[in-house]
Amino acid sequence: MALENTDIQDKLVATFGNDVFNFQQEKEIFSFEINAEKNTAVILFLKNNEDLRFHFLTDLCGIHYPDNDDNHQFAIVYHLHNWYENKRIKIKAYLKETQGIKTISNIFLSSNWMERETWDFFGIDFVGHPQLKRILNMDEMISFPMRKEFPMEDSGRTDKDDRFFGRTSINS
Protein backbone atom coordinates (compact mmCIF):
# COMPACT_ATOMS: atom_id res chain seq x y z
CA MET A 1 0.00 0.00 0.00
CA ALA A 2 1.42 3.37 -1.02
CA LEU A 3 2.24 5.97 1.59
CA GLU A 4 -0.29 8.77 1.17
CA ASN A 5 0.02 12.40 2.25
CA THR A 6 -3.03 11.98 4.48
CA ASP A 7 -1.31 9.09 6.31
CA ILE A 8 1.73 11.26 7.02
CA GLN A 9 -0.39 14.22 8.09
CA ASP A 10 -2.65 12.13 10.34
CA LYS A 11 0.29 10.49 12.13
CA LEU A 12 2.05 13.82 12.64
CA VAL A 13 -1.04 15.64 13.91
CA ALA A 14 -1.94 12.74 16.22
CA THR A 15 1.57 12.84 17.72
CA PHE A 16 2.46 16.54 17.66
CA GLY A 17 -0.87 18.39 17.45
CA ASN A 18 -0.52 22.09 16.65
CA ASP A 19 3.28 21.87 16.38
CA VAL A 20 2.86 20.63 12.78
CA PHE A 21 0.74 22.68 10.40
CA ASN A 22 0.28 24.21 6.93
CA PHE A 23 0.26 20.89 5.08
CA GLN A 24 0.28 21.24 1.30
CA GLN A 25 1.33 19.56 -1.89
CA GLU A 26 4.02 21.55 -3.72
CA LYS A 27 4.49 19.97 -7.13
CA GLU A 28 5.59 16.41 -6.28
CA ILE A 29 6.69 17.08 -2.71
CA PHE A 30 4.42 17.01 0.33
CA SER A 31 5.40 19.88 2.61
CA PHE A 32 4.52 21.23 6.02
CA GLU A 33 5.78 23.54 8.73
CA ILE A 34 6.82 22.70 12.26
CA ASN A 35 7.42 24.54 15.49
CA ALA A 36 11.21 25.03 15.47
CA GLU A 37 11.46 23.84 19.08
CA LYS A 38 10.13 20.41 18.03
CA ASN A 39 12.46 19.81 15.08
CA THR A 40 14.38 16.88 16.55
CA ALA A 41 11.25 15.15 17.86
CA VAL A 42 9.43 15.46 14.52
CA ILE A 43 12.40 14.33 12.45
CA LEU A 44 13.15 11.42 14.77
CA PHE A 45 9.50 10.38 14.56
CA LEU A 46 9.53 10.53 10.75
CA LYS A 47 12.70 8.45 10.65
CA ASN A 48 11.78 5.80 13.23
CA ASN A 49 8.05 5.31 12.63
CA GLU A 50 7.66 1.88 11.03
CA ASP A 51 5.02 3.14 8.59
CA LEU A 52 6.74 6.39 7.57
CA ARG A 53 10.43 5.34 7.34
CA PHE A 54 11.97 8.62 6.16
CA HIS A 55 15.51 7.28 6.57
CA PHE A 56 17.36 9.63 4.25
CA LEU A 57 18.11 13.33 4.70
CA THR A 58 18.40 14.67 1.15
CA ASP A 59 19.10 18.27 2.08
CA LEU A 60 19.10 20.84 4.85
CA CYS A 61 19.40 24.53 4.08
CA GLY A 62 18.62 28.00 5.36
CA ILE A 63 16.59 30.85 3.90
CA HIS A 64 16.57 34.52 4.87
CA TYR A 65 13.30 36.43 4.65
CA PRO A 66 14.26 40.01 5.63
CA ASP A 67 10.78 41.40 4.89
CA ASN A 68 8.98 38.95 7.21
CA ASP A 69 8.09 39.76 10.79
CA ASP A 70 10.71 39.17 13.49
CA ASN A 71 9.50 35.62 14.26
CA HIS A 72 9.89 34.52 10.64
CA GLN A 73 13.19 36.13 9.57
CA PHE A 74 14.90 32.81 8.85
CA ALA A 75 13.82 29.31 7.94
CA ILE A 76 15.49 25.93 8.09
CA VAL A 77 14.28 23.55 5.40
CA TYR A 78 14.70 19.79 5.66
CA HIS A 79 14.12 17.42 2.72
CA LEU A 80 13.58 13.78 3.71
CA HIS A 81 13.14 10.73 1.50
CA ASN A 82 11.46 7.38 2.09
CA TRP A 83 13.24 5.06 -0.32
CA TYR A 84 10.82 2.19 0.24
CA GLU A 85 7.87 4.18 -1.12
CA ASN A 86 9.95 6.71 -3.10
CA LYS A 87 8.20 9.48 -1.15
CA ARG A 88 9.77 12.88 -0.50
CA ILE A 89 8.74 15.50 2.03
CA LYS A 90 9.81 19.04 2.83
CA ILE A 91 9.76 20.41 6.37
CA LYS A 92 10.15 24.11 7.14
CA ALA A 93 10.82 25.67 10.54
CA TYR A 94 10.82 29.46 10.96
CA LEU A 95 13.19 31.23 13.37
CA LYS A 96 13.89 34.64 14.80
CA GLU A 97 17.26 36.12 13.86
CA THR A 98 18.72 35.40 17.30
CA GLN A 99 17.00 32.04 17.78
CA GLY A 100 18.91 28.80 17.37
CA ILE A 101 17.59 25.40 16.44
CA LYS A 102 18.63 21.99 17.77
CA THR A 103 21.08 20.02 15.68
CA ILE A 104 19.93 16.84 13.98
CA SER A 105 23.50 15.62 13.49
CA ASN A 106 22.83 12.92 16.07
CA ILE A 107 19.86 11.70 13.97
CA PHE A 108 21.37 12.05 10.49
CA LEU A 109 25.18 12.15 10.42
CA SER A 110 25.08 13.74 6.97
CA SER A 111 23.51 16.87 8.46
CA ASN A 112 26.82 17.71 10.15
CA TRP A 113 28.27 19.47 7.10
CA MET A 114 24.89 20.81 5.96
CA GLU A 115 24.39 22.51 9.32
CA ARG A 116 27.92 23.89 9.24
CA GLU A 117 27.35 25.30 5.77
CA THR A 118 24.02 26.84 6.84
CA TRP A 119 25.68 28.43 9.87
CA ASP A 120 28.59 29.61 7.73
CA PHE A 121 26.35 31.40 5.24
CA PHE A 122 23.33 32.47 7.36
CA GLY A 123 24.61 32.56 10.95
CA ILE A 124 21.90 30.22 12.23
CA ASP A 125 23.06 28.49 15.41
CA PHE A 126 22.57 24.72 15.56
CA VAL A 127 22.45 24.06 19.28
CA GLY A 128 24.40 20.96 20.27
CA HIS A 129 26.32 20.66 17.01
CA PRO A 130 29.66 18.91 17.68
CA GLN A 131 31.83 21.32 15.63
CA LEU A 132 29.95 24.39 14.42
CA LYS A 133 32.60 26.42 12.63
CA ARG A 134 33.24 27.89 9.19
CA ILE A 135 33.36 25.31 6.43
CA LEU A 136 33.66 27.30 3.18
CA ASN A 137 34.33 30.92 4.17
CA MET A 138 37.42 32.27 5.89
CA ASP A 139 37.55 31.88 9.66
CA GLU A 140 38.13 35.62 9.98
CA MET A 141 34.78 36.54 8.40
CA ILE A 142 32.39 38.29 10.76
CA SER A 143 29.41 38.40 8.38
CA PHE A 144 27.17 35.80 6.79
CA PRO A 145 27.15 36.19 2.98
CA MET A 146 23.77 34.59 2.18
CA ARG A 147 21.85 37.05 4.31
CA LYS A 148 20.03 39.59 2.20
CA GLU A 149 21.73 42.51 3.94
CA PHE A 150 25.16 41.25 2.87
CA PRO A 151 26.51 43.63 0.19
CA MET A 152 26.71 42.17 -3.29
CA GLU A 153 29.95 44.00 -4.04
CA ASP A 154 32.90 45.32 -2.14
CA SER A 155 32.47 49.09 -2.17
CA GLY A 156 36.17 49.57 -1.41
CA ARG A 157 37.45 47.99 -4.61
CA THR A 158 39.51 50.32 -6.76
CA ASP A 159 40.41 47.86 -9.51
CA LYS A 160 36.93 47.83 -10.99
CA ASP A 161 35.62 50.28 -13.57
CA ASP A 162 31.81 50.45 -13.65
CA ARG A 163 31.87 51.25 -17.36
CA PHE A 164 32.83 47.65 -18.06
CA PHE A 165 29.76 46.36 -16.17
CA GLY A 166 27.09 48.53 -17.82
CA ARG A 167 26.75 50.79 -14.80
CA THR A 168 27.58 54.19 -16.19
CA SER A 169 25.37 57.22 -15.90
CA ILE A 170 24.04 58.90 -19.03
CA ASN A 171 26.01 62.08 -18.27
CA SER A 172 29.44 60.46 -18.17
C-alpha atoms as a PDB file:
ATOM      1  CA  MET A   1       0.000   0.000   0.000  1.00  0.00           C
ATOM      2  CA  ALA A   2       1.420   3.373  -1.020  1.00  0.00           C
ATOM      3  CA  LEU A   3       2.242   5.970   1.589  1.00  0.00           C
ATOM      4  CA  GLU A   4      -0.294   8.772   1.171  1.00  0.00           C
ATOM      5  CA  ASN A   5       0.020  12.397   2.247  1.00  0.00           C
ATOM      6  CA  THR A   6      -3.025  11.985   4.478  1.00  0.00           C
ATOM      7  CA  ASP A   7      -1.306   9.094   6.309  1.00  0.00           C
ATOM      8  CA  ILE A   8       1.732  11.263   7.018  1.00  0.00           C
ATOM      9  CA  GLN A   9      -0.388  14.222   8.089  1.00  0.00           C
ATOM     10  CA  ASP A  10      -2.651  12.130  10.336  1.00  0.00           C
ATOM     11  CA  LYS A  11       0.287  10.493  12.131  1.00  0.00           C
ATOM     12  CA  LEU A  12       2.054  13.822  12.642  1.00  0.00           C
ATOM     13  CA  VAL A  13      -1.044  15.644  13.909  1.00  0.00           C
ATOM     14  CA  ALA A  14      -1.936  12.743  16.221  1.00  0.00           C
ATOM     15  CA  THR A  15       1.568  12.839  17.723  1.00  0.00           C
ATOM     16  CA  PHE A  16       2.461  16.544  17.658  1.00  0.00           C
ATOM     17  CA  GLY A  17      -0.869  18.388  17.455  1.00  0.00           C
ATOM     18  CA  ASN A  18      -0.525  22.092  16.649  1.00  0.00           C
ATOM     19  CA  ASP A  19       3.284  21.867  16.381  1.00  0.00           C
ATOM     20  CA  VAL A  20       2.856  20.629  12.784  1.00  0.00           C
ATOM     21  CA  PHE A  21       0.739  22.676  10.397  1.00  0.00           C
ATOM     22  CA  ASN A  22       0.284  24.208   6.933  1.00  0.00           C
ATOM     23  CA  PHE A  23       0.257  20.890   5.083  1.00  0.00           C
ATOM     24  CA  GLN A  24       0.284  21.241   1.304  1.00  0.00           C
ATOM     25  CA  GLN A  25       1.335  19.557  -1.891  1.00  0.00           C
ATOM     26  CA  GLU A  26       4.025  21.551  -3.721  1.00  0.00           C
ATOM     27  CA  LYS A  27       4.492  19.975  -7.125  1.00  0.00           C
ATOM     28  CA  GLU A  28       5.585  16.411  -6.280  1.00  0.00           C
ATOM     29  CA  ILE A  29       6.688  17.083  -2.714  1.00  0.00           C
ATOM     30  CA  PHE A  30       4.419  17.007   0.332  1.00  0.00           C
ATOM     31  CA  SER A  31       5.396  19.876   2.610  1.00  0.00           C
ATOM     32  CA  PHE A  32       4.517  21.225   6.019  1.00  0.00           C
ATOM     33  CA  GLU A  33       5.776  23.538   8.729  1.00  0.00           C
ATOM     34  CA  ILE A  34       6.815  22.699  12.261  1.00  0.00           C
ATOM     35  CA  ASN A  35       7.422  24.544  15.486  1.00  0.00           C
ATOM     36  CA  ALA A  36      11.214  25.029  15.473  1.00  0.00           C
ATOM     37  CA  GLU A  37      11.456  23.837  19.083  1.00  0.00           C
ATOM     38  CA  LYS A  38      10.134  20.414  18.030  1.00  0.00           C
ATOM     39  CA  ASN A  39      12.460  19.814  15.078  1.00  0.00           C
ATOM     40  CA  THR A  40      14.378  16.879  16.554  1.00  0.00           C
ATOM     41  CA  ALA A  41      11.247  15.151  17.861  1.00  0.00           C
ATOM     42  CA  VAL A  42       9.425  15.461  14.519  1.00  0.00           C
ATOM     43  CA  ILE A  43      12.401  14.327  12.446  1.00  0.00           C
ATOM     44  CA  LEU A  44      13.155  11.422  14.768  1.00  0.00           C
ATOM     45  CA  PHE A  45       9.497  10.377  14.562  1.00  0.00           C
ATOM     46  CA  LEU A  46       9.531  10.525  10.755  1.00  0.00           C
ATOM     47  CA  LYS A  47      12.699   8.446  10.648  1.00  0.00           C
ATOM     48  CA  ASN A  48      11.778   5.799  13.228  1.00  0.00           C
ATOM     49  CA  ASN A  49       8.049   5.309  12.632  1.00  0.00           C
ATOM     50  CA  GLU A  50       7.661   1.877  11.034  1.00  0.00           C
ATOM     51  CA  ASP A  51       5.021   3.136   8.586  1.00  0.00           C
ATOM     52  CA  LEU A  52       6.737   6.386   7.566  1.00  0.00           C
ATOM     53  CA  ARG A  53      10.430   5.345   7.338  1.00  0.00           C
ATOM     54  CA  PHE A  54      11.973   8.624   6.159  1.00  0.00           C
ATOM     55  CA  HIS A  55      15.508   7.281   6.569  1.00  0.00           C
ATOM     56  CA  PHE A  56      17.357   9.631   4.251  1.00  0.00           C
ATOM     57  CA  LEU A  57      18.106  13.333   4.697  1.00  0.00           C
ATOM     58  CA  THR A  58      18.397  14.673   1.152  1.00  0.00           C
ATOM     59  CA  ASP A  59      19.096  18.268   2.082  1.00  0.00           C
ATOM     60  CA  LEU A  60      19.100  20.835   4.849  1.00  0.00           C
ATOM     61  CA  CYS A  61      19.396  24.535   4.084  1.00  0.00           C
ATOM     62  CA  GLY A  62      18.622  28.001   5.359  1.00  0.00           C
ATOM     63  CA  ILE A  63      16.585  30.848   3.896  1.00  0.00           C
ATOM     64  CA  HIS A  64      16.573  34.517   4.866  1.00  0.00           C
ATOM     65  CA  TYR A  65      13.301  36.435   4.651  1.00  0.00           C
ATOM     66  CA  PRO A  66      14.257  40.013   5.628  1.00  0.00           C
ATOM     67  CA  ASP A  67      10.778  41.405   4.891  1.00  0.00           C
ATOM     68  CA  ASN A  68       8.980  38.947   7.213  1.00  0.00           C
ATOM     69  CA  ASP A  69       8.085  39.759  10.794  1.00  0.00           C
ATOM     70  CA  ASP A  70      10.706  39.171  13.487  1.00  0.00           C
ATOM     71  CA  ASN A  71       9.497  35.624  14.262  1.00  0.00           C
ATOM     72  CA  HIS A  72       9.889  34.520  10.643  1.00  0.00           C
ATOM     73  CA  GLN A  73      13.186  36.129   9.572  1.00  0.00           C
ATOM     74  CA  PHE A  74      14.904  32.814   8.852  1.00  0.00           C
ATOM     75  CA  ALA A  75      13.823  29.312   7.941  1.00  0.00           C
ATOM     76  CA  ILE A  76      15.489  25.934   8.093  1.00  0.00           C
ATOM     77  CA  VAL A  77      14.276  23.551   5.399  1.00  0.00           C
ATOM     78  CA  TYR A  78      14.700  19.787   5.658  1.00  0.00           C
ATOM     79  CA  HIS A  79      14.123  17.416   2.719  1.00  0.00           C
ATOM     80  CA  LEU A  80      13.581  13.779   3.711  1.00  0.00           C
ATOM     81  CA  HIS A  81      13.145  10.735   1.499  1.00  0.00           C
ATOM     82  CA  ASN A  82      11.460   7.385   2.088  1.00  0.00           C
ATOM     83  CA  TRP A  83      13.243   5.056  -0.317  1.00  0.00           C
ATOM     84  CA  TYR A  84      10.821   2.189   0.237  1.00  0.00           C
ATOM     85  CA  GLU A  85       7.872   4.176  -1.123  1.00  0.00           C
ATOM     86  CA  ASN A  86       9.947   6.715  -3.098  1.00  0.00           C
ATOM     87  CA  LYS A  87       8.197   9.476  -1.155  1.00  0.00           C
ATOM     88  CA  ARG A  88       9.767  12.884  -0.504  1.00  0.00           C
ATOM     89  CA  ILE A  89       8.745  15.500   2.035  1.00  0.00           C
ATOM     90  CA  LYS A  90       9.813  19.043   2.835  1.00  0.00           C
ATOM     91  CA  ILE A  91       9.757  20.407   6.374  1.00  0.00           C
ATOM     92  CA  LYS A  92      10.147  24.109   7.140  1.00  0.00           C
ATOM     93  CA  ALA A  93      10.818  25.671  10.544  1.00  0.00           C
ATOM     94  CA  TYR A  94      10.824  29.462  10.956  1.00  0.00           C
ATOM     95  CA  LEU A  95      13.186  31.230  13.368  1.00  0.00           C
ATOM     96  CA  LYS A  96      13.891  34.644  14.803  1.00  0.00           C
ATOM     97  CA  GLU A  97      17.264  36.117  13.860  1.00  0.00           C
ATOM     98  CA  THR A  98      18.725  35.398  17.300  1.00  0.00           C
ATOM     99  CA  GLN A  99      17.000  32.039  17.783  1.00  0.00           C
ATOM    100  CA  GLY A 100      18.905  28.802  17.368  1.00  0.00           C
ATOM    101  CA  ILE A 101      17.587  25.398  16.438  1.00  0.00           C
ATOM    102  CA  LYS A 102      18.629  21.990  17.770  1.00  0.00           C
ATOM    103  CA  THR A 103      21.078  20.022  15.681  1.00  0.00           C
ATOM    104  CA  ILE A 104      19.928  16.843  13.984  1.00  0.00           C
ATOM    105  CA  SER A 105      23.500  15.623  13.485  1.00  0.00           C
ATOM    106  CA  ASN A 106      22.827  12.919  16.073  1.00  0.00           C
ATOM    107  CA  ILE A 107      19.860  11.696  13.971  1.00  0.00           C
ATOM    108  CA  PHE A 108      21.375  12.053  10.488  1.00  0.00           C
ATOM    109  CA  LEU A 109      25.181  12.146  10.418  1.00  0.00           C
ATOM    110  CA  SER A 110      25.077  13.735   6.967  1.00  0.00           C
ATOM    111  CA  SER A 111      23.508  16.868   8.462  1.00  0.00           C
ATOM    112  CA  ASN A 112      26.821  17.712  10.147  1.00  0.00           C
ATOM    113  CA  TRP A 113      28.270  19.466   7.104  1.00  0.00           C
ATOM    114  CA  MET A 114      24.892  20.807   5.955  1.00  0.00           C
ATOM    115  CA  GLU A 115      24.392  22.508   9.320  1.00  0.00           C
ATOM    116  CA  ARG A 116      27.923  23.895   9.240  1.00  0.00           C
ATOM    117  CA  GLU A 117      27.349  25.303   5.767  1.00  0.00           C
ATOM    118  CA  THR A 118      24.023  26.841   6.840  1.00  0.00           C
ATOM    119  CA  TRP A 119      25.680  28.432   9.871  1.00  0.00           C
ATOM    120  CA  ASP A 120      28.594  29.613   7.729  1.00  0.00           C
ATOM    121  CA  PHE A 121      26.350  31.405   5.237  1.00  0.00           C
ATOM    122  CA  PHE A 122      23.334  32.465   7.356  1.00  0.00           C
ATOM    123  CA  GLY A 123      24.611  32.563  10.946  1.00  0.00           C
ATOM    124  CA  ILE A 124      21.900  30.217  12.230  1.00  0.00           C
ATOM    125  CA  ASP A 125      23.057  28.492  15.413  1.00  0.00           C
ATOM    126  CA  PHE A 126      22.571  24.716  15.559  1.00  0.00           C
ATOM    127  CA  VAL A 127      22.446  24.060  19.282  1.00  0.00           C
ATOM    128  CA  GLY A 128      24.403  20.958  20.273  1.00  0.00           C
ATOM    129  CA  HIS A 129      26.324  20.661  17.009  1.00  0.00           C
ATOM    130  CA  PRO A 130      29.663  18.907  17.682  1.00  0.00           C
ATOM    131  CA  GLN A 131      31.825  21.315  15.628  1.00  0.00           C
ATOM    132  CA  LEU A 132      29.947  24.386  14.419  1.00  0.00           C
ATOM    133  CA  LYS A 133      32.602  26.418  12.629  1.00  0.00           C
ATOM    134  CA  ARG A 134      33.238  27.887   9.187  1.00  0.00           C
ATOM    135  CA  ILE A 135      33.357  25.309   6.431  1.00  0.00           C
ATOM    136  CA  LEU A 136      33.660  27.304   3.180  1.00  0.00           C
ATOM    137  CA  ASN A 137      34.331  30.917   4.173  1.00  0.00           C
ATOM    138  CA  MET A 138      37.417  32.274   5.888  1.00  0.00           C
ATOM    139  CA  ASP A 139      37.550  31.875   9.657  1.00  0.00           C
ATOM    140  CA  GLU A 140      38.125  35.624   9.981  1.00  0.00           C
ATOM    141  CA  MET A 141      34.778  36.542   8.397  1.00  0.00           C
ATOM    142  CA  ILE A 142      32.395  38.286  10.757  1.00  0.00           C
ATOM    143  CA  SER A 143      29.413  38.404   8.384  1.00  0.00           C
ATOM    144  CA  PHE A 144      27.173  35.802   6.788  1.00  0.00           C
ATOM    145  CA  PRO A 145      27.145  36.190   2.982  1.00  0.00           C
ATOM    146  CA  MET A 146      23.769  34.585   2.177  1.00  0.00           C
ATOM    147  CA  ARG A 147      21.849  37.046   4.309  1.00  0.00           C
ATOM    148  CA  LYS A 148      20.027  39.588   2.201  1.00  0.00           C
ATOM    149  CA  GLU A 149      21.729  42.510   3.944  1.00  0.00           C
ATOM    150  CA  PHE A 150      25.158  41.253   2.874  1.00  0.00           C
ATOM    151  CA  PRO A 151      26.511  43.634   0.190  1.00  0.00           C
ATOM    152  CA  MET A 152      26.715  42.174  -3.287  1.00  0.00           C
ATOM    153  CA  GLU A 153      29.952  44.002  -4.043  1.00  0.00           C
ATOM    154  CA  ASP A 154      32.902  45.318  -2.136  1.00  0.00           C
ATOM    155  CA  SER A 155      32.474  49.092  -2.175  1.00  0.00           C
ATOM    156  CA  GLY A 156      36.169  49.569  -1.413  1.00  0.00           C
ATOM    157  CA  ARG A 157      37.448  47.994  -4.613  1.00  0.00           C
ATOM    158  CA  THR A 158      39.513  50.323  -6.758  1.00  0.00           C
ATOM    159  CA  ASP A 159      40.411  47.857  -9.509  1.00  0.00           C
ATOM    160  CA  LYS A 160      36.926  47.832 -10.991  1.00  0.00           C
ATOM    161  CA  ASP A 161      35.623  50.279 -13.570  1.00  0.00           C
ATOM    162  CA  ASP A 162      31.809  50.446 -13.646  1.00  0.00           C
ATOM    163  CA  ARG A 163      31.872  51.255 -17.364  1.00  0.00           C
ATOM    164  CA  PHE A 164      32.826  47.647 -18.058  1.00  0.00           C
ATOM    165  CA  PHE A 165      29.761  46.360 -16.172  1.00  0.00           C
ATOM    166  CA  GLY A 166      27.094  48.528 -17.823  1.00  0.00           C
ATOM    167  CA  ARG A 167      26.754  50.794 -14.802  1.00  0.00           C
ATOM    168  CA  THR A 168      27.577  54.193 -16.186  1.00  0.00           C
ATOM    169  CA  SER A 169      25.373  57.217 -15.904  1.00  0.00           C
ATOM    170  CA  ILE A 170      24.039  58.902 -19.030  1.00  0.00           C
ATOM    171  CA  ASN A 171      26.006  62.081 -18.267  1.00  0.00           C
ATOM    172  CA  SER A 172      29.436  60.456 -18.170  1.00  0.00           C
END
